[in-house]
């Protein structure tokens, strides 16, 4: 799994950002998308996922499914808010663990 650390600046808003590879066999299909959304909802931070030119709310399973991120695709995790750093690190671990699918 490839990751890059960094703080990015999006015009007027600062956010934390990490890049991850979708490492599970079937990509971000319904089950892992549900796990990502459920996990993201445990944080106060606003969390988004970016794939290619599309950015979606990581707390919405339907939004995540629209990314159509397949195995081996790179996804950027972005977060803003009080617990943004914890949220990003935790989301990176979820991707690293292949959404606990094995």
N, C-alpha and C. Protein backbone atom coordinates (compact mmCIF):
# COMPACT_ATOMS: atom_id res chain seq x y z
N UNK A 1 0.84 -1.17 0.00
CA UNK A 1 0.00 0.00 0.00
C UNK A 1 0.88 1.23 0.00
N UNK A 2 0.56 2.17 -0.85
CA UNK A 2 1.33 3.39 -0.95
C UNK A 2 0.61 4.52 -0.22
N UNK A 3 1.35 5.28 0.56
CA UNK A 3 0.77 6.40 1.29
C UNK A 3 1.69 7.60 1.14
N UNK A 4 1.08 8.78 1.15
CA UNK A 4 1.86 10.00 1.17
C UNK A 4 1.29 10.90 2.26
N UNK A 5 2.16 11.43 3.10
CA UNK A 5 1.74 12.36 4.14
C UNK A 5 1.68 13.75 3.57
N UNK A 6 0.88 14.59 4.19
CA UNK A 6 0.94 15.98 3.78
C UNK A 6 -0.24 16.78 4.26
N UNK A 7 -0.01 18.05 4.39
CA UNK A 7 -1.09 18.99 4.64
C UNK A 7 -1.26 19.77 3.35
N UNK A 8 -2.47 19.80 2.88
CA UNK A 8 -2.74 20.47 1.61
C UNK A 8 -3.47 21.77 1.90
N UNK A 9 -3.45 22.68 0.96
CA UNK A 9 -4.17 23.93 1.08
C UNK A 9 -5.11 24.06 -0.11
N UNK A 10 -6.37 24.08 0.14
CA UNK A 10 -7.37 24.20 -0.90
C UNK A 10 -7.93 25.60 -0.87
N UNK A 11 -7.30 26.50 -1.59
CA UNK A 11 -7.66 27.91 -1.65
C UNK A 11 -7.82 28.49 -0.25
N UNK A 12 -9.04 28.51 0.32
CA UNK A 12 -9.24 29.16 1.61
C UNK A 12 -9.31 28.18 2.78
N UNK A 13 -9.26 26.89 2.50
CA UNK A 13 -9.45 25.91 3.57
C UNK A 13 -8.27 24.97 3.67
N UNK A 14 -7.76 24.79 4.89
CA UNK A 14 -6.69 23.84 5.12
C UNK A 14 -7.31 22.49 5.45
N UNK A 15 -6.68 21.43 4.97
CA UNK A 15 -7.13 20.09 5.31
C UNK A 15 -5.94 19.17 5.36
N UNK A 16 -6.11 18.08 6.10
CA UNK A 16 -5.10 17.04 6.15
C UNK A 16 -5.41 16.05 5.04
N UNK A 17 -4.38 15.47 4.47
CA UNK A 17 -4.57 14.60 3.31
C UNK A 17 -3.59 13.45 3.33
N UNK A 18 -4.08 12.26 2.98
CA UNK A 18 -3.22 11.09 2.79
C UNK A 18 -3.73 10.36 1.56
N UNK A 19 -2.81 9.77 0.84
CA UNK A 19 -3.19 8.97 -0.32
C UNK A 19 -3.02 7.50 0.02
N UNK A 20 -4.00 6.71 -0.39
CA UNK A 20 -3.98 5.27 -0.13
C UNK A 20 -4.32 4.54 -1.42
N UNK A 21 -3.96 3.28 -1.45
CA UNK A 21 -4.31 2.42 -2.57
C UNK A 21 -5.43 1.48 -2.13
N UNK A 22 -6.44 1.32 -2.97
CA UNK A 22 -7.50 0.35 -2.69
C UNK A 22 -6.88 -1.03 -2.93
N UNK A 23 -6.60 -1.74 -1.85
CA UNK A 23 -5.81 -2.96 -1.94
C UNK A 23 -6.64 -4.25 -1.90
N UNK A 24 -7.94 -4.12 -1.65
CA UNK A 24 -8.73 -5.35 -1.62
C UNK A 24 -9.08 -5.79 -3.03
N UNK A 25 -9.50 -7.01 -3.16
CA UNK A 25 -9.68 -7.66 -4.46
C UNK A 25 -10.80 -7.05 -5.33
N UNK A 26 -11.83 -6.51 -4.70
CA UNK A 26 -13.00 -6.06 -5.47
C UNK A 26 -13.21 -4.55 -5.44
N UNK A 27 -12.28 -3.78 -4.88
CA UNK A 27 -12.41 -2.34 -4.86
C UNK A 27 -13.43 -1.86 -3.83
N UNK A 28 -13.86 -0.63 -4.00
CA UNK A 28 -14.81 -0.03 -3.06
C UNK A 28 -16.24 -0.38 -3.45
N UNK A 29 -16.58 -1.65 -3.35
CA UNK A 29 -17.96 -2.07 -3.61
C UNK A 29 -18.79 -1.84 -2.34
N UNK A 30 -20.02 -2.33 -2.32
CA UNK A 30 -20.97 -1.97 -1.27
C UNK A 30 -20.47 -2.25 0.15
N UNK A 31 -19.93 -3.43 0.41
CA UNK A 31 -19.53 -3.77 1.78
C UNK A 31 -18.42 -2.84 2.29
N UNK A 32 -17.31 -2.68 1.56
CA UNK A 32 -16.28 -1.77 2.09
C UNK A 32 -16.74 -0.31 2.09
N UNK A 33 -17.57 0.08 1.14
CA UNK A 33 -18.08 1.46 1.15
C UNK A 33 -18.89 1.70 2.41
N UNK A 34 -19.68 0.70 2.81
CA UNK A 34 -20.45 0.81 4.04
C UNK A 34 -19.55 0.92 5.26
N UNK A 35 -18.48 0.13 5.28
CA UNK A 35 -17.54 0.19 6.40
C UNK A 35 -16.84 1.54 6.46
N UNK A 36 -16.45 2.07 5.29
CA UNK A 36 -15.80 3.38 5.25
C UNK A 36 -16.75 4.45 5.78
N UNK A 37 -17.99 4.45 5.29
CA UNK A 37 -18.96 5.46 5.71
C UNK A 37 -19.24 5.36 7.21
N UNK A 38 -19.44 4.14 7.68
CA UNK A 38 -19.73 3.93 9.11
C UNK A 38 -18.54 4.39 9.96
N UNK A 39 -17.34 4.07 9.52
CA UNK A 39 -16.14 4.46 10.26
C UNK A 39 -15.98 5.99 10.25
N UNK A 40 -16.19 6.61 9.10
CA UNK A 40 -16.05 8.06 8.99
C UNK A 40 -17.04 8.79 9.90
N UNK A 41 -18.21 8.21 10.08
CA UNK A 41 -19.25 8.84 10.90
C UNK A 41 -18.89 8.89 12.37
N UNK A 42 -17.87 8.17 12.79
CA UNK A 42 -17.47 8.18 14.19
C UNK A 42 -16.62 9.41 14.54
N UNK A 43 -16.29 10.21 13.54
CA UNK A 43 -15.45 11.39 13.75
C UNK A 43 -16.26 12.67 13.54
N UNK A 44 -15.88 13.71 14.27
CA UNK A 44 -16.49 15.03 14.09
C UNK A 44 -16.00 15.69 12.80
N UNK A 45 -14.80 15.37 12.39
CA UNK A 45 -14.18 15.99 11.22
C UNK A 45 -15.03 15.78 9.96
N UNK A 46 -14.95 16.74 9.07
CA UNK A 46 -15.51 16.56 7.73
C UNK A 46 -14.48 15.76 6.95
N UNK A 47 -14.90 14.62 6.40
CA UNK A 47 -13.97 13.72 5.71
C UNK A 47 -14.47 13.50 4.30
N UNK A 48 -13.57 13.61 3.35
CA UNK A 48 -13.94 13.34 1.96
C UNK A 48 -12.93 12.39 1.34
N UNK A 49 -13.38 11.73 0.29
CA UNK A 49 -12.53 10.85 -0.51
C UNK A 49 -12.45 11.43 -1.90
N UNK A 50 -11.26 11.40 -2.48
CA UNK A 50 -11.04 11.93 -3.82
C UNK A 50 -10.45 10.82 -4.68
N UNK A 51 -11.09 10.58 -5.82
CA UNK A 51 -10.59 9.61 -6.79
C UNK A 51 -10.71 10.26 -8.16
N UNK A 52 -9.57 10.34 -8.84
CA UNK A 52 -9.48 11.05 -10.12
C UNK A 52 -9.97 12.48 -9.88
N UNK A 53 -10.98 12.94 -10.57
CA UNK A 53 -11.43 14.33 -10.39
C UNK A 53 -12.69 14.45 -9.54
N UNK A 54 -13.06 13.38 -8.85
CA UNK A 54 -14.30 13.37 -8.09
C UNK A 54 -14.02 13.35 -6.60
N UNK A 55 -14.67 14.25 -5.86
CA UNK A 55 -14.56 14.32 -4.40
C UNK A 55 -15.93 14.07 -3.80
N UNK A 56 -15.99 13.14 -2.84
CA UNK A 56 -17.27 12.79 -2.23
C UNK A 56 -17.17 12.78 -0.71
N UNK A 57 -18.32 12.85 -0.05
CA UNK A 57 -18.42 12.78 1.40
C UNK A 57 -18.17 11.35 1.86
N UNK A 58 -17.15 11.15 2.68
CA UNK A 58 -16.79 9.81 3.15
C UNK A 58 -17.80 9.25 4.14
N UNK A 59 -18.75 10.07 4.58
CA UNK A 59 -19.76 9.60 5.52
C UNK A 59 -21.02 9.11 4.81
N UNK A 60 -21.01 9.12 3.48
CA UNK A 60 -22.16 8.70 2.68
C UNK A 60 -21.80 7.49 1.82
N UNK A 61 -22.43 6.36 2.10
CA UNK A 61 -22.16 5.14 1.33
C UNK A 61 -22.49 5.35 -0.14
N UNK A 62 -23.57 6.04 -0.44
CA UNK A 62 -23.94 6.26 -1.84
C UNK A 62 -22.91 7.12 -2.56
N UNK A 63 -22.41 8.15 -1.88
CA UNK A 63 -21.37 8.98 -2.47
C UNK A 63 -20.12 8.16 -2.76
N UNK A 64 -19.73 7.33 -1.80
CA UNK A 64 -18.52 6.51 -1.96
C UNK A 64 -18.66 5.57 -3.15
N UNK A 65 -19.84 4.98 -3.30
CA UNK A 65 -20.06 4.05 -4.42
C UNK A 65 -19.92 4.75 -5.77
N UNK A 66 -20.25 6.04 -5.84
CA UNK A 66 -20.13 6.75 -7.11
C UNK A 66 -18.68 6.94 -7.55
N UNK A 67 -17.73 6.77 -6.62
CA UNK A 67 -16.32 6.88 -6.99
C UNK A 67 -15.90 5.75 -7.94
N UNK A 68 -16.53 4.60 -7.81
CA UNK A 68 -16.17 3.42 -8.61
C UNK A 68 -14.67 3.15 -8.56
N UNK A 69 -14.09 3.23 -7.35
CA UNK A 69 -12.67 2.99 -7.17
C UNK A 69 -12.41 1.49 -7.13
N UNK A 70 -11.65 1.02 -8.08
CA UNK A 70 -11.37 -0.40 -8.18
C UNK A 70 -10.08 -0.78 -7.49
N UNK A 71 -9.77 -2.07 -7.51
CA UNK A 71 -8.53 -2.54 -6.89
C UNK A 71 -7.32 -1.89 -7.56
N UNK A 72 -6.39 -1.43 -6.73
CA UNK A 72 -5.19 -0.78 -7.24
C UNK A 72 -5.33 0.71 -7.50
N UNK A 73 -6.56 1.24 -7.39
CA UNK A 73 -6.77 2.67 -7.60
C UNK A 73 -6.29 3.46 -6.39
N UNK A 74 -5.80 4.67 -6.64
CA UNK A 74 -5.39 5.56 -5.57
C UNK A 74 -6.58 6.43 -5.17
N UNK A 75 -6.76 6.57 -3.86
CA UNK A 75 -7.80 7.42 -3.29
C UNK A 75 -7.13 8.35 -2.30
N UNK A 76 -7.52 9.60 -2.32
CA UNK A 76 -7.00 10.56 -1.36
C UNK A 76 -8.05 10.76 -0.26
N UNK A 77 -7.62 10.69 0.98
CA UNK A 77 -8.48 10.94 2.13
C UNK A 77 -8.18 12.35 2.60
N UNK A 78 -9.22 13.19 2.70
CA UNK A 78 -9.06 14.57 3.17
C UNK A 78 -9.95 14.78 4.38
N UNK A 79 -9.46 15.53 5.35
CA UNK A 79 -10.26 15.81 6.54
C UNK A 79 -9.95 17.19 7.09
N UNK A 80 -10.99 17.82 7.62
CA UNK A 80 -10.85 19.09 8.32
C UNK A 80 -11.64 18.99 9.63
N UNK A 81 -11.19 19.71 10.63
CA UNK A 81 -11.90 19.72 11.90
C UNK A 81 -11.00 19.32 13.05
N UNK A 82 -11.59 19.33 14.25
CA UNK A 82 -10.82 19.10 15.46
C UNK A 82 -10.10 17.75 15.49
N UNK A 83 -10.75 16.70 15.04
CA UNK A 83 -10.13 15.38 15.09
C UNK A 83 -9.69 14.90 13.70
N UNK A 84 -9.36 15.83 12.83
CA UNK A 84 -9.00 15.50 11.45
C UNK A 84 -7.79 14.58 11.37
N UNK A 85 -6.77 14.85 12.16
CA UNK A 85 -5.56 14.02 12.10
C UNK A 85 -5.88 12.57 12.51
N UNK A 86 -6.61 12.42 13.59
CA UNK A 86 -7.00 11.08 14.06
C UNK A 86 -7.88 10.40 13.01
N UNK A 87 -8.79 11.16 12.40
CA UNK A 87 -9.68 10.60 11.39
C UNK A 87 -8.91 10.09 10.18
N UNK A 88 -7.99 10.89 9.69
CA UNK A 88 -7.22 10.49 8.51
C UNK A 88 -6.40 9.24 8.82
N UNK A 89 -5.70 9.23 9.95
CA UNK A 89 -4.87 8.07 10.31
C UNK A 89 -5.73 6.81 10.45
N UNK A 90 -6.88 6.95 11.06
CA UNK A 90 -7.76 5.81 11.25
C UNK A 90 -8.31 5.30 9.93
N UNK A 91 -8.65 6.22 9.03
CA UNK A 91 -9.14 5.83 7.71
C UNK A 91 -8.03 5.15 6.90
N UNK A 92 -6.81 5.63 7.02
CA UNK A 92 -5.67 4.99 6.34
C UNK A 92 -5.54 3.55 6.81
N UNK A 93 -5.69 3.32 8.11
CA UNK A 93 -5.60 1.96 8.64
C UNK A 93 -6.72 1.07 8.12
N UNK A 94 -7.91 1.62 7.97
CA UNK A 94 -9.03 0.86 7.43
C UNK A 94 -8.72 0.40 6.00
N UNK A 95 -8.17 1.29 5.18
CA UNK A 95 -7.76 0.92 3.83
C UNK A 95 -6.64 -0.11 3.87
N UNK A 96 -5.65 0.10 4.77
CA UNK A 96 -4.52 -0.82 4.87
C UNK A 96 -4.97 -2.22 5.25
N UNK A 97 -6.01 -2.31 6.06
CA UNK A 97 -6.54 -3.60 6.50
C UNK A 97 -7.54 -4.18 5.49
N UNK A 98 -7.58 -3.60 4.30
CA UNK A 98 -8.47 -4.06 3.23
C UNK A 98 -9.91 -4.14 3.70
N UNK A 99 -10.31 -3.13 4.50
CA UNK A 99 -11.69 -3.00 4.99
C UNK A 99 -12.11 -4.22 5.81
N UNK A 100 -11.12 -4.90 6.40
CA UNK A 100 -11.33 -6.06 7.23
C UNK A 100 -12.00 -7.21 6.47
N UNK A 101 -11.76 -7.23 5.14
CA UNK A 101 -12.31 -8.29 4.30
C UNK A 101 -11.34 -9.47 4.13
N UNK A 102 -10.09 -9.23 4.50
CA UNK A 102 -9.10 -10.30 4.38
C UNK A 102 -8.30 -10.25 3.12
